PDB file of N, CA and C in Angstrom:
ATOM      1  N   MET A   1       0.777  -0.743   0.049  1.00  0.00           N
ATOM      2  CA  MET A   1      -0.228  -0.131  -0.372  1.00  0.00           C
ATOM      3  C   MET A   1       1.376   0.849  -0.493  1.00  0.00           C
ATOM      4  N   ARG A   2       0.560   2.378  -0.321  1.00  0.00           N
ATOM      5  CA  ARG A   2       1.629   2.979  -0.937  1.00  0.00           C
ATOM      6  C   ARG A   2      -0.228   4.577   0.511  1.00  0.00           C
ATOM      7  N   ASP A   3       0.849   3.844   1.564  1.00  0.00           N
ATOM      8  CA  ASP A   3       0.565   5.236   2.837  1.00  0.00           C
ATOM      9  C   ASP A   3       0.915   6.621   2.783  1.00  0.00           C
ATOM     10  N   TRP A   4       1.570   6.482   1.317  1.00  0.00           N
ATOM     11  CA  TRP A   4       2.508   7.564   1.059  1.00  0.00           C
ATOM     12  C   TRP A   4       1.646   8.950   0.925  1.00  0.00           C
ATOM     13  N   LEU A   5       0.547   7.953   0.044  1.00  0.00           N
ATOM     14  CA  LEU A   5      -0.069   8.349  -1.237  1.00  0.00           C
ATOM     15  C   LEU A   5      -1.186   8.966  -0.934  1.00  0.00           C
ATOM     16  N   LYS A   6      -1.829   7.910   0.175  1.00  0.00           N
ATOM     17  CA  LYS A   6      -2.991   8.611   0.714  1.00  0.00           C
ATOM     18  C   LYS A   6      -2.863  10.108   1.455  1.00  0.00           C
ATOM     19  N   GLU A   7      -2.382   9.749   2.374  1.00  0.00           N
ATOM     20  CA  GLU A   7      -1.205  11.188   3.558  1.00  0.00           C
ATOM     21  C   GLU A   7      -1.854  12.221   2.573  1.00  0.00           C
ATOM     22  N   ALA A   8      -1.023  12.406   1.598  1.00  0.00           N
ATOM     23  CA  ALA A   8       0.167  13.811   0.624  1.00  0.00           C
ATOM     24  C   ALA A   8      -2.171  13.544   0.144  1.00  0.00           C
ATOM     25  N   ARG A   9      -2.467  12.845  -0.172  1.00  0.00           N
ATOM     26  CA  ARG A   9      -4.455  12.975  -0.380  1.00  0.00           C
ATOM     27  C   ARG A   9      -5.399  13.496   0.454  1.00  0.00           C
ATOM     28  N   LEU A  10      -5.283  12.866   2.172  1.00  0.00           N
ATOM     29  CA  LEU A  10      -5.957  13.323   2.457  1.00  0.00           C
ATOM     30  C   LEU A  10      -5.556  14.886   3.155  1.00  0.00           C
ATOM     31  N   LYS A  11      -4.707  15.188   3.346  1.00  0.00           N
ATOM     32  CA  LYS A  11      -3.753  16.361   3.537  1.00  0.00           C
ATOM     33  C   LYS A  11      -4.583  17.502   2.643  1.00  0.00           C
ATOM     34  N   LYS A  12      -4.103  17.226   1.627  1.00  0.00           N
ATOM     35  CA  LYS A  12      -5.056  18.831   0.686  1.00  0.00           C
ATOM     36  C   LYS A  12      -6.342  18.512   0.633  1.00  0.00           C
ATOM     37  N   GLY A  13      -6.979  17.019   1.229  1.00  0.00           N
ATOM     38  CA  GLY A  13      -8.058  17.263   1.650  1.00  0.00           C
ATOM     39  C   GLY A  13      -9.158  16.785   0.581  1.00  0.00           C
ATOM     40  N   MET A  14      -8.839  16.336  -0.757  1.00  0.00           N
ATOM     41  CA  MET A  14      -9.388  15.015  -1.339  1.00  0.00           C
ATOM     42  C   MET A  14      -9.714  14.046  -1.227  1.00  0.00           C
ATOM     43  N   THR A  15     -10.798  13.760  -2.245  1.00  0.00           N
ATOM     44  CA  THR A  15     -10.915  12.530  -2.232  1.00  0.00           C
ATOM     45  C   THR A  15     -10.410  11.294  -3.091  1.00  0.00           C
ATOM     46  N   GLN A  16     -10.350  10.084  -3.146  1.00  0.00           N
ATOM     47  CA  GLN A  16      -9.578   9.239  -4.462  1.00  0.00           C
ATOM     48  C   GLN A  16     -10.385   9.831  -5.471  1.00  0.00           C
ATOM     49  N   LEU A  17     -12.051   9.566  -5.491  1.00  0.00           N
ATOM     50  CA  LEU A  17     -12.952  10.567  -7.013  1.00  0.00           C
ATOM     51  C   LEU A  17     -12.343  11.379  -7.505  1.00  0.00           C
ATOM     52  N   GLN A  18     -11.921  12.700  -6.419  1.00  0.00           N
ATOM     53  CA  GLN A  18     -11.065  14.080  -6.885  1.00  0.00           C
ATOM     54  C   GLN A  18     -10.028  13.805  -7.790  1.00  0.00           C
ATOM     55  N   VAL A  19      -9.334  13.096  -7.533  1.00  0.00           N
ATOM     56  CA  VAL A  19      -7.637  12.857  -8.391  1.00  0.00           C
ATOM     57  C   VAL A  19      -7.567  12.180  -9.034  1.00  0.00           C
ATOM     58  N   ALA A  20      -8.468  11.214  -8.372  1.00  0.00           N
ATOM     59  CA  ALA A  20      -9.011  10.291 -10.390  1.00  0.00           C
ATOM     60  C   ALA A  20      -9.225  11.493 -11.370  1.00  0.00           C
ATOM     61  N   GLU A  21     -10.408  11.907 -10.527  1.00  0.00           N
ATOM     62  CA  GLU A  21     -10.738  13.019 -12.191  1.00  0.00           C
ATOM     63  C   GLU A  21      -9.443  13.713 -12.465  1.00  0.00           C
ATOM     64  N   GLN A  22      -8.451  14.344 -12.112  1.00  0.00           N
ATOM     65  CA  GLN A  22      -8.261  15.237 -12.188  1.00  0.00           C
ATOM     66  C   GLN A  22      -6.419  14.495 -13.009  1.00  0.00           C
ATOM     67  N   LEU A  23      -6.703  12.942 -13.115  1.00  0.00           N
ATOM     68  CA  LEU A  23      -5.832  12.116 -13.654  1.00  0.00           C
ATOM     69  C   LEU A  23      -6.036  11.914 -14.594  1.00  0.00           C
ATOM     70  N   GLY A  24      -7.288  11.977 -14.790  1.00  0.00           N
ATOM     71  CA  GLY A  24      -7.957  11.334 -15.878  1.00  0.00           C
ATOM     72  C   GLY A  24      -7.899   9.885 -15.531  1.00  0.00           C
ATOM     73  N   ILE A  25      -8.443   9.170 -14.742  1.00  0.00           N
ATOM     74  CA  ILE A  25      -8.561   7.676 -14.971  1.00  0.00           C
ATOM     75  C   ILE A  25     -10.095   7.950 -13.909  1.00  0.00           C
ATOM     76  N   THR A  26     -10.556   6.330 -13.778  1.00  0.00           N
ATOM     77  CA  THR A  26     -11.811   5.274 -13.055  1.00  0.00           C
ATOM     78  C   THR A  26     -11.127   5.836 -11.095  1.00  0.00           C
ATOM     79  N   GLU A  27     -12.578   5.905 -10.997  1.00  0.00           N
ATOM     80  CA  GLU A  27     -11.612   6.330  -9.617  1.00  0.00           C
ATOM     81  C   GLU A  27     -11.316   4.753  -8.809  1.00  0.00           C
ATOM     82  N   SER A  28     -11.427   3.725  -8.833  1.00  0.00           N
ATOM     83  CA  SER A  28     -11.247   2.318  -8.563  1.00  0.00           C
ATOM     84  C   SER A  28     -10.230   2.426  -9.192  1.00  0.00           C
ATOM     85  N   TYR A  29      -9.365   3.152 -10.318  1.00  0.00           N
ATOM     86  CA  TYR A  29      -8.162   2.753 -11.280  1.00  0.00           C
ATOM     87  C   TYR A  29      -7.533   3.284 -10.437  1.00  0.00           C
ATOM     88  N   TYR A  30      -7.620   4.240  -9.743  1.00  0.00           N
ATOM     89  CA  TYR A  30      -6.727   5.208  -8.349  1.00  0.00           C
ATOM     90  C   TYR A  30      -7.106   4.705  -7.267  1.00  0.00           C
ATOM     91  N   CYS A  31      -7.980   3.803  -6.831  1.00  0.00           N
ATOM     92  CA  CYS A  31      -7.887   3.076  -5.780  1.00  0.00           C
ATOM     93  C   CYS A  31      -6.212   2.322  -5.510  1.00  0.00           C
ATOM     94  N   PHE A  32      -6.691   1.057  -7.083  1.00  0.00           N
ATOM     95  CA  PHE A  32      -5.676   0.335  -6.694  1.00  0.00           C
ATOM     96  C   PHE A  32      -4.210   1.088  -7.217  1.00  0.00           C
ATOM     97  N   ILE A  33      -4.468   1.865  -7.608  1.00  0.00           N
ATOM     98  CA  ILE A  33      -2.893   2.569  -7.244  1.00  0.00           C
ATOM     99  C   ILE A  33      -2.491   3.202  -6.035  1.00  0.00           C
ATOM    100  N   GLU A  34      -3.285   3.554  -5.492  1.00  0.00           N
ATOM    101  CA  GLU A  34      -3.130   3.668  -4.174  1.00  0.00           C
ATOM    102  C   GLU A  34      -2.968   2.446  -3.079  1.00  0.00           C
ATOM    103  N   ASN A  35      -3.539   1.711  -3.350  1.00  0.00           N
ATOM    104  CA  ASN A  35      -3.422   0.669  -2.745  1.00  0.00           C
ATOM    105  C   ASN A  35      -2.206  -0.383  -3.070  1.00  0.00           C
ATOM    106  N   GLY A  36      -1.370   0.050  -4.714  1.00  0.00           N
ATOM    107  CA  GLY A  36      -0.141  -1.031  -4.440  1.00  0.00           C
ATOM    108  C   GLY A  36      -0.942  -1.149  -6.113  1.00  0.00           C
ATOM    109  N   GLY A  37      -1.836  -1.958  -6.026  1.00  0.00           N
ATOM    110  CA  GLY A  37      -1.730  -2.763  -6.451  1.00  0.00           C
ATOM    111  C   GLY A  37      -2.495  -2.702  -8.455  1.00  0.00           C
ATOM    112  N   ARG A  38      -2.151  -1.785  -8.390  1.00  0.00           N
ATOM    113  CA  ARG A  38      -1.526  -1.028 -10.206  1.00  0.00           C
ATOM    114  C   ARG A  38      -0.235  -0.926 -10.395  1.00  0.00           C
ATOM    115  N   LEU A  39      -0.409  -0.206 -11.675  1.00  0.00           N
ATOM    116  CA  LEU A  39       1.469   0.305 -11.444  1.00  0.00           C
ATOM    117  C   LEU A  39       2.291   0.191 -10.846  1.00  0.00           C
ATOM    118  N   LYS A  40       2.389  -0.474  -9.842  1.00  0.00           N
ATOM    119  CA  LYS A  40       4.216  -1.612  -9.336  1.00  0.00           C
ATOM    120  C   LYS A  40       4.862  -0.485  -9.273  1.00  0.00           C
ATOM    121  N   LYS A  41       5.301  -0.011  -9.992  1.00  0.00           N
ATOM    122  CA  LYS A  41       6.705   0.808 -11.032  1.00  0.00           C
ATOM    123  C   LYS A  41       6.188   2.265 -11.216  1.00  0.00           C
ATOM    124  N   MET A  42       5.672   2.890 -10.050  1.00  0.00           N
ATOM    125  CA  MET A  42       4.903   4.237 -10.942  1.00  0.00           C
ATOM    126  C   MET A  42       5.713   5.083 -12.272  1.00  0.00           C
ATOM    127  N   ASP A  43       5.213   4.794 -13.911  1.00  0.00           N
ATOM    128  CA  ASP A  43       5.672   5.404 -14.389  1.00  0.00           C
ATOM    129  C   ASP A  43       5.786   7.291 -14.321  1.00  0.00           C
ATOM    130  N   VAL A  44       6.654   8.506 -14.928  1.00  0.00           N
ATOM    131  CA  VAL A  44       7.410   9.246 -14.364  1.00  0.00           C
ATOM    132  C   VAL A  44       5.869   9.724 -14.358  1.00  0.00           C
ATOM    133  N   VAL A  45       5.747   9.867 -16.361  1.00  0.00           N
ATOM    134  CA  VAL A  45       3.767  10.669 -15.894  1.00  0.00           C
ATOM    135  C   VAL A  45       3.012  10.634 -15.155  1.00  0.00           C
ATOM    136  N   THR A  46       2.174   9.809 -14.952  1.00  0.00           N
ATOM    137  CA  THR A  46       1.689   9.220 -13.076  1.00  0.00           C
ATOM    138  C   THR A  46       1.932  10.466 -12.207  1.00  0.00           C
ATOM    139  N   ALA A  47       2.917  10.102 -11.838  1.00  0.00           N
ATOM    140  CA  ALA A  47       4.051  10.484 -11.265  1.00  0.00           C
ATOM    141  C   ALA A  47       4.278  12.083 -10.702  1.00  0.00           C
ATOM    142  N   LYS A  48       4.651  13.146 -12.701  1.00  0.00           N
ATOM    143  CA  LYS A  48       5.315  13.753 -12.343  1.00  0.00           C
ATOM    144  C   LYS A  48       3.327  14.308 -12.416  1.00  0.00           C
ATOM    145  N   ASN A  49       2.640  14.485 -12.614  1.00  0.00           N
ATOM    146  CA  ASN A  49       1.106  14.147 -12.747  1.00  0.00           C
ATOM    147  C   ASN A  49       0.695  14.698 -10.935  1.00  0.00           C
ATOM    148  N   LEU A  50       0.590  13.774 -10.552  1.00  0.00           N
ATOM    149  CA  LEU A  50       0.472  13.802  -8.977  1.00  0.00           C
ATOM    150  C   LEU A  50       0.802  13.959  -7.973  1.00  0.00           C
ATOM    151  N   SER A  51       2.776  14.121  -8.783  1.00  0.00           N
ATOM    152  CA  SER A  51       3.170  15.715  -7.858  1.00  0.00           C
ATOM    153  C   SER A  51       2.477  17.040  -8.493  1.00  0.00           C
ATOM    154  N   SER A  52       1.567  17.464  -9.105  1.00  0.00           N
ATOM    155  CA  SER A  52       0.911  18.832  -9.941  1.00  0.00           C
ATOM    156  C   SER A  52      -0.006  19.162  -9.031  1.00  0.00           C
ATOM    157  N   ILE A  53      -0.501  17.919  -8.750  1.00  0.00           N
ATOM    158  CA  ILE A  53      -2.355  17.663  -8.088  1.00  0.00           C
ATOM    159  C   ILE A  53      -2.059  17.151  -6.672  1.00  0.00           C
ATOM    160  N   LEU A  54      -1.243  16.634  -6.494  1.00  0.00           N
ATOM    161  CA  LEU A  54      -1.493  17.287  -4.223  1.00  0.00           C
ATOM    162  C   LEU A  54       0.030  17.632  -4.325  1.00  0.00           C
ATOM    163  N   GLY A  55       0.396  18.422  -4.680  1.00  0.00           N
ATOM    164  CA  GLY A  55       1.283  19.402  -4.079  1.00  0.00           C
ATOM    165  C   GLY A  55       3.046  18.668  -3.925  1.00  0.00           C
ATOM    166  N   VAL A  56       3.213  18.014  -4.539  1.00  0.00           N
ATOM    167  CA  VAL A  56       4.778  17.081  -3.120  1.00  0.00           C
ATOM    168  C   VAL A  56       5.564  17.517  -4.908  1.00  0.00           C
ATOM    169  N   PRO A  57       6.535  17.997  -3.995  1.00  0.00           N
ATOM    170  CA  PRO A  57       7.429  16.949  -5.171  1.00  0.00           C
ATOM    171  C   PRO A  57       7.622  16.582  -5.614  1.00  0.00           C
ATOM    172  N   ILE A  58       8.469  16.523  -7.106  1.00  0.00           N
ATOM    173  CA  ILE A  58       8.473  14.905  -7.955  1.00  0.00           C
ATOM    174  C   ILE A  58       9.772  13.667  -6.913  1.00  0.00           C
ATOM    175  N   GLN A  59      10.703  14.715  -6.636  1.00  0.00           N
ATOM    176  CA  GLN A  59      11.985  13.790  -5.818  1.00  0.00           C
ATOM    177  C   GLN A  59      11.311  12.744  -4.642  1.00  0.00           C
ATOM    178  N   ALA A  60       9.821  14.274  -3.798  1.00  0.00           N
ATOM    179  CA  ALA A  60       9.119  12.959  -2.424  1.00  0.00           C
ATOM    180  C   ALA A  60       9.078  11.410  -3.170  1.00  0.00           C
ATOM    181  N   ILE A  61       7.910  11.851  -4.643  1.00  0.00           N
ATOM    182  CA  ILE A  61       7.269  11.074  -4.941  1.00  0.00           C
ATOM    183  C   ILE A  61       8.573   9.349  -5.345  1.00  0.00           C
ATOM    184  N   LEU A  62       9.472  10.624  -6.725  1.00  0.00           N
ATOM    185  CA  LEU A  62      10.185   9.510  -7.005  1.00  0.00           C
ATOM    186  C   LEU A  62      11.069   8.963  -5.252  1.00  0.00           C
ATOM    187  N   SER A  63      11.389   9.185  -4.278  1.00  0.00           N
ATOM    188  CA  SER A  63      12.428   8.703  -3.433  1.00  0.00           C
ATOM    189  C   SER A  63      11.103   7.721  -2.801  1.00  0.00           C
ATOM    190  N   HIS A  64       9.859   7.544  -2.654  1.00  0.00           N
ATOM    191  CA  HIS A  64       8.709   6.915  -1.936  1.00  0.00           C
ATOM    192  C   HIS A  64       8.577   5.185  -3.023  1.00  0.00           C
ATOM    193  N   GLU A  65       8.556   5.823  -4.479  1.00  0.00           N
ATOM    194  CA  GLU A  65       9.076   4.464  -5.431  1.00  0.00           C
ATOM    195  C   GLU A  65       9.581   3.388  -5.728  1.00  0.00           C
ATOM    196  N   THR A  66      10.728   4.576  -5.473  1.00  0.00           N
ATOM    197  CA  THR A  66      11.991   3.228  -5.243  1.00  0.00           C
ATOM    198  C   THR A  66      13.233   2.954  -3.966  1.00  0.00           C
ATOM    199  N   GLY A  67      12.153   3.720  -2.868  1.00  0.00           N
ATOM    200  CA  GLY A  67      12.282   2.642  -1.579  1.00  0.00           C
ATOM    201  C   GLY A  67      13.298   3.883  -0.913  1.00  0.00           C
ATOM    202  N   SER A  68      13.885   4.532  -1.750  1.00  0.00           N
ATOM    203  CA  SER A  68      15.330   5.486  -1.385  1.00  0.00           C
ATOM    204  C   SER A  68      14.620   5.667   0.091  1.00  0.00           C
ATOM    205  N   SER A  69      13.375   6.790   0.455  1.00  0.00           N
ATOM    206  CA  SER A  69      13.304   7.750   1.858  1.00  0.00           C
ATOM    207  C   SER A  69      12.117   6.776   2.092  1.00  0.00           C
ATOM    208  N   PRO A  70      11.272   6.275   2.590  1.00  0.00           N
ATOM    209  CA  PRO A  70      10.002   4.983   2.487  1.00  0.00           C
ATOM    210  C   PRO A  70       9.656   5.279   4.157  1.00  0.00           C
ATOM    211  N   GLN A  71       9.838   6.088   5.238  1.00  0.00           N
ATOM    212  CA  GLN A  71       9.826   6.442   6.151  1.00  0.00           C
ATOM    213  C   GLN A  71       9.603   8.301   6.060  1.00  0.00           C
ATOM    214  N   GLU A  72      10.360   8.271   5.707  1.00  0.00           N
ATOM    215  CA  GLU A  72      10.589   9.864   5.914  1.00  0.00           C
ATOM    216  C   GLU A  72       8.750  10.156   5.231  1.00  0.00           C
ATOM    217  N   PRO A  73       8.359  11.899   5.496  1.00  0.00           N
ATOM    218  CA  PRO A  73       7.581  12.335   6.002  1.00  0.00           C
ATOM    219  C   PRO A  73       7.062  13.049   3.806  1.00  0.00           C
ATOM    220  N   VAL A  74       5.717  13.149   3.264  1.00  0.00           N
ATOM    221  CA  VAL A  74       5.742  13.683   2.643  1.00  0.00           C
ATOM    222  C   VAL A  74       5.327  15.395   2.387  1.00  0.00           C
ATOM    223  N   GLU A  75       6.634  16.497   2.102  1.00  0.00           N
ATOM    224  CA  GLU A  75       6.013  17.814   2.426  1.00  0.00           C
ATOM    225  C   GLU A  75       5.348  17.756   1.612  1.00  0.00           C
ATOM    226  N   GLU A  76       4.893  19.161   1.488  1.00  0.00           N
ATOM    227  CA  GLU A  76       4.034  19.901   0.240  1.00  0.00           C
ATOM    228  C   GLU A  76       4.759  20.000   0.563  1.00  0.00           C
ATOM    229  N   MET A  77       5.007  21.137  -1.619  1.00  0.00           N
ATOM    230  CA  MET A  77       5.075  22.033  -2.074  1.00  0.00           C
ATOM    231  C   MET A  77       5.583  23.512  -1.520  1.00  0.00           C
ATOM    232  N   SER A  78       6.613  24.425  -0.978  1.00  0.00           N
ATOM    233  CA  SER A  78       5.838  25.881  -0.931  1.00  0.00           C
ATOM    234  C   SER A  78       5.608  26.833  -2.182  1.00  0.00           C
ATOM    235  N   VAL A  79       4.849  27.949  -1.631  1.00  0.00           N
ATOM    236  CA  VAL A  79       4.426  28.240  -2.994  1.00  0.00           C
ATOM    237  C   VAL A  79       4.883  29.710  -2.445  1.00  0.00           C
ATOM    238  N   THR A  80       5.868  30.198  -3.579  1.00  0.00           N
ATOM    239  CA  THR A  80       6.480  31.506  -3.073  1.00  0.00           C
ATOM    240  C   THR A  80       6.070  32.689  -3.950  1.00  0.00           C
TER     241      THR A  80
END
């Protein structure tokens, strides 16, 4: 399961449906992604889109996906 992804979505106050709609996929497919059942290796396009939608740096997403820092919390991008 991608707990970090669920955490980032909830921090933004979004539902799975809202994220799925912005990704252009079904809610059930997004649920599979969040639960780790689909896209076992997340592609760069999906990671980039999630970065934009959830306000999470792409580096944080990629590090979670590669397992280089799975315990670090997902931080929101700062807007200056």
